[in-house]
Amino acid sequence: MATRPHERRSIWRVGPESTWTTVLPVAFIIASLISLVILPIVVAKHTARMRDEITSLAEPARRTANEVQMDVASRSTPSSPSRSPGSDSTVTSSCA
């Protein structure tokens, strides 16, 4: 009884005798893996560009708002006449 020699099979069984049923899945897998590498790089570059643009627009406004806040905080308010704790002129707030 003759035995057939053991044939090594590779997952890259793409050759002249291959049909579209073997080439198409392998091509799809290769394209998927390439896109998994390229897509995050492209999205990261786009996100970095947008973040830089937003920062360049928001930073001057943030700086100005901080200066205004510091100016308001540094101003001394005129001293108001002292009122007695039970006087009618005290303002009360209520939550609705």
Protein backbone atom coordinates (compact mmCIF):
# COMPACT_ATOMS: atom_id res chain seq x y z
CA MET A 1 0.00 0.00 0.00
CA ALA A 2 1.54 3.28 -1.13
CA THR A 3 1.11 6.33 1.01
CA ARG A 4 0.86 9.78 -0.38
CA PRO A 5 3.55 12.16 0.80
CA HIS A 6 2.26 14.68 3.33
CA GLU A 7 1.42 17.88 1.48
CA ARG A 8 2.12 21.10 3.35
CA ARG A 9 -0.72 23.57 3.06
CA SER A 10 -0.14 27.25 3.49
CA ILE A 11 -2.66 29.95 4.28
CA TRP A 12 -1.13 31.83 1.35
CA ARG A 13 -2.43 29.33 -1.19
CA VAL A 14 -2.56 31.95 -3.90
CA GLY A 15 -1.03 30.86 -7.14
CA PRO A 16 -1.85 30.31 -10.80
CA GLU A 17 -4.18 27.43 -9.94
CA SER A 18 -6.07 29.45 -7.32
CA THR A 19 -9.63 30.47 -7.93
CA TRP A 20 -11.40 33.66 -6.92
CA THR A 21 -12.83 31.84 -3.88
CA THR A 22 -9.36 31.65 -2.36
CA VAL A 23 -7.94 34.93 -3.65
CA LEU A 24 -10.86 37.13 -2.60
CA PRO A 25 -10.87 36.27 1.14
CA VAL A 26 -7.09 36.61 1.36
CA ALA A 27 -7.23 39.98 -0.41
CA PHE A 28 -10.00 41.13 1.93
CA ILE A 29 -8.02 40.14 5.02
CA ILE A 30 -4.89 41.91 3.76
CA ALA A 31 -6.89 45.07 2.94
CA SER A 32 -8.52 44.96 6.39
CA LEU A 33 -5.18 44.67 8.17
CA ILE A 34 -3.69 47.51 6.15
CA SER A 35 -6.68 49.72 6.94
CA LEU A 36 -6.31 48.91 10.65
CA VAL A 37 -2.81 50.36 10.48
CA ILE A 38 -3.48 53.38 8.25
CA LEU A 39 -6.86 54.59 9.54
CA PRO A 40 -5.76 55.47 13.11
CA ILE A 41 -2.78 57.43 11.74
CA VAL A 42 -4.99 59.46 9.40
CA VAL A 43 -7.60 60.14 12.11
CA ALA A 44 -4.90 61.16 14.62
CA LYS A 45 -3.43 63.69 12.18
CA HIS A 46 -6.87 65.15 11.44
CA THR A 47 -7.70 65.37 15.15
CA ALA A 48 -4.38 67.06 15.94
CA ARG A 49 -4.99 69.66 13.22
CA MET A 50 -8.47 70.43 14.56
CA ARG A 51 -7.19 70.60 18.16
CA ASP A 52 -4.49 73.09 17.11
CA GLU A 53 -7.06 75.25 15.31
CA ILE A 54 -9.41 75.26 18.30
CA THR A 55 -6.57 76.08 20.67
CA SER A 56 -5.37 78.96 18.49
CA LEU A 57 -8.86 80.45 18.57
CA ALA A 58 -9.72 79.73 22.20
CA GLU A 59 -6.44 80.67 23.89
CA PRO A 60 -6.67 84.45 23.29
CA ALA A 61 -10.26 84.46 24.56
CA ARG A 62 -9.26 82.42 27.60
CA ARG A 63 -6.39 84.83 28.33
CA THR A 64 -8.69 87.87 28.02
CA ALA A 65 -11.32 86.30 30.28
CA ASN A 66 -8.65 85.56 32.86
CA GLU A 67 -7.41 89.17 32.74
CA VAL A 68 -10.95 90.49 33.20
CA GLN A 69 -11.51 88.14 36.12
CA MET A 70 -8.25 89.24 37.75
CA ASP A 71 -9.14 92.93 37.26
CA VAL A 72 -12.56 92.45 38.84
CA ALA A 73 -11.09 90.50 41.74
CA SER A 74 -8.36 93.08 42.37
CA ARG A 75 -10.71 96.07 42.52
CA SER A 76 -11.59 97.12 46.00
CA THR A 77 -15.29 97.63 46.54
CA PRO A 78 -16.40 100.73 48.41
CA SER A 79 -17.30 99.90 51.97
CA SER A 80 -21.03 99.85 52.49
CA PRO A 81 -22.60 101.24 55.64
CA SER A 82 -23.00 98.57 58.24
CA ARG A 83 -26.48 97.34 58.77
CA SER A 84 -27.92 95.73 61.79
CA PRO A 85 -28.66 92.04 61.41
CA GLY A 86 -32.41 92.48 61.83
CA SER A 87 -32.94 95.45 59.52
CA ASP A 88 -35.49 95.37 56.71
CA SER A 89 -32.99 96.25 54.01
CA THR A 90 -31.31 92.85 53.98
CA VAL A 91 -31.80 90.89 50.79
CA THR A 92 -33.00 87.34 51.04
CA SER A 93 -32.93 84.88 48.21
CA SER A 94 -35.26 82.03 47.68
CA CYS A 95 -35.04 79.11 45.35
CA ALA A 96 -38.08 78.46 43.22
